[in-house]
Protein backbone atom coordinates (compact mmCIF):
# COMPACT_ATOMS: atom_id res chain seq x y z
CA MET A 1 72.88 79.33 173.84
CA ALA A 2 75.71 79.34 171.25
CA ARG A 3 77.87 82.82 171.55
CA ARG A 4 78.96 83.46 168.24
CA THR A 5 81.40 85.68 166.75
CA ILE A 6 80.69 89.24 164.92
CA THR A 7 83.36 89.30 161.68
CA THR A 8 84.65 92.48 160.76
CA VAL A 9 82.92 92.27 157.36
CA GLU A 10 79.04 91.55 159.22
CA ILE A 11 80.29 94.84 161.07
CA GLY A 12 80.87 97.01 157.85
CA ASN A 13 77.29 95.21 155.87
CA ILE A 14 75.30 95.83 158.90
CA VAL A 15 76.93 99.57 159.48
CA ARG A 16 75.64 99.86 155.36
CA THR A 17 72.91 98.47 155.59
CA ALA A 18 71.50 100.90 158.50
CA ARG A 19 72.92 104.11 156.95
CA LYS A 20 71.25 103.50 153.38
CA ALA A 21 67.72 103.11 155.61
CA ALA A 22 68.43 106.16 157.49
CA GLY A 23 68.68 107.62 154.54
CA LEU A 24 72.25 108.52 154.74
CA ARG A 25 75.02 109.12 152.86
CA GLN A 26 78.55 108.03 153.71
CA ASP A 27 80.32 111.45 153.52
CA GLU A 28 77.33 112.77 156.34
CA LEU A 29 77.09 109.96 158.52
CA ALA A 30 81.28 110.81 159.10
CA GLY A 31 80.04 114.16 159.76
CA ALA A 32 77.11 113.04 162.22
CA ALA A 33 79.76 110.49 163.49
CA GLY A 34 82.68 112.57 163.66
CA VAL A 35 85.03 110.29 161.73
CA GLY A 36 86.22 110.70 158.16
CA LEU A 37 84.36 110.08 155.19
CA ARG A 38 88.13 107.78 155.21
CA PHE A 39 86.77 105.76 157.83
CA ILE A 40 83.61 105.13 156.53
CA VAL A 41 84.82 103.91 153.85
CA ASP A 42 86.86 101.53 154.99
CA LEU A 43 84.70 100.60 158.35
CA GLU A 44 82.05 99.26 154.81
CA ALA A 45 84.40 97.37 153.10
CA GLY A 46 85.32 95.29 156.14
CA LYS A 47 88.93 96.46 157.17
CA PRO A 48 89.71 94.94 160.05
CA THR A 49 92.15 97.59 160.80
CA ALA A 50 89.28 99.79 162.45
CA GLN A 51 89.91 101.96 165.16
CA ILE A 52 87.01 100.69 168.17
CA GLY A 53 86.40 103.56 169.11
CA LYS A 54 85.83 105.49 166.24
CA THR A 55 83.41 102.37 165.38
CA LEU A 56 82.27 102.63 168.19
CA GLN A 57 80.43 106.30 167.20
CA VAL A 58 79.27 105.46 164.01
CA LEU A 59 77.22 102.50 165.57
CA ALA A 60 75.71 104.37 168.21
CA ALA A 61 74.97 107.83 165.31
CA LEU A 62 72.88 104.77 163.75
CA GLY A 63 71.39 104.19 166.62
CA CYS A 64 72.37 100.78 166.69
CA SER A 65 73.95 98.72 169.85
CA VAL A 66 76.60 96.43 170.84
CA ASP A 67 76.15 93.59 173.50
CA ILE A 68 79.34 91.82 174.89
CA THR A 69 79.10 88.76 176.81
CA PRO A 70 82.07 88.29 178.77
CA PRO A 71 82.99 84.12 179.01
CA PRO A 72 81.70 82.16 181.71
CA GLU A 73 84.38 82.63 184.56
CA SER A 74 86.22 79.71 185.18
CA LYS A 75 86.74 77.08 188.93
CA GLY A 76 89.28 78.00 190.03
CA ALA A 77 90.88 80.46 188.26
CA GLY A 78 92.02 83.48 190.51
CA LYS A 79 90.10 86.98 189.71
CA ALA A 80 92.62 89.68 188.45
């Protein structure tokens, strides 16, 4: 299966679509996620420097899940 890299703009679009589907205004989502309104505005705009912790809070508040697939182990690579 091919790996897919998601962009900050795509995350913003997912957040906006999920928020609207839930019938929430940006300020309502901010309150539910425990973040500021400005953060929601920036996140939906695809701001590349959005904090990962707050982003995860917003995604959780919307019922979204995040899957991360680590790279396959390289042969000969030492383990940390």
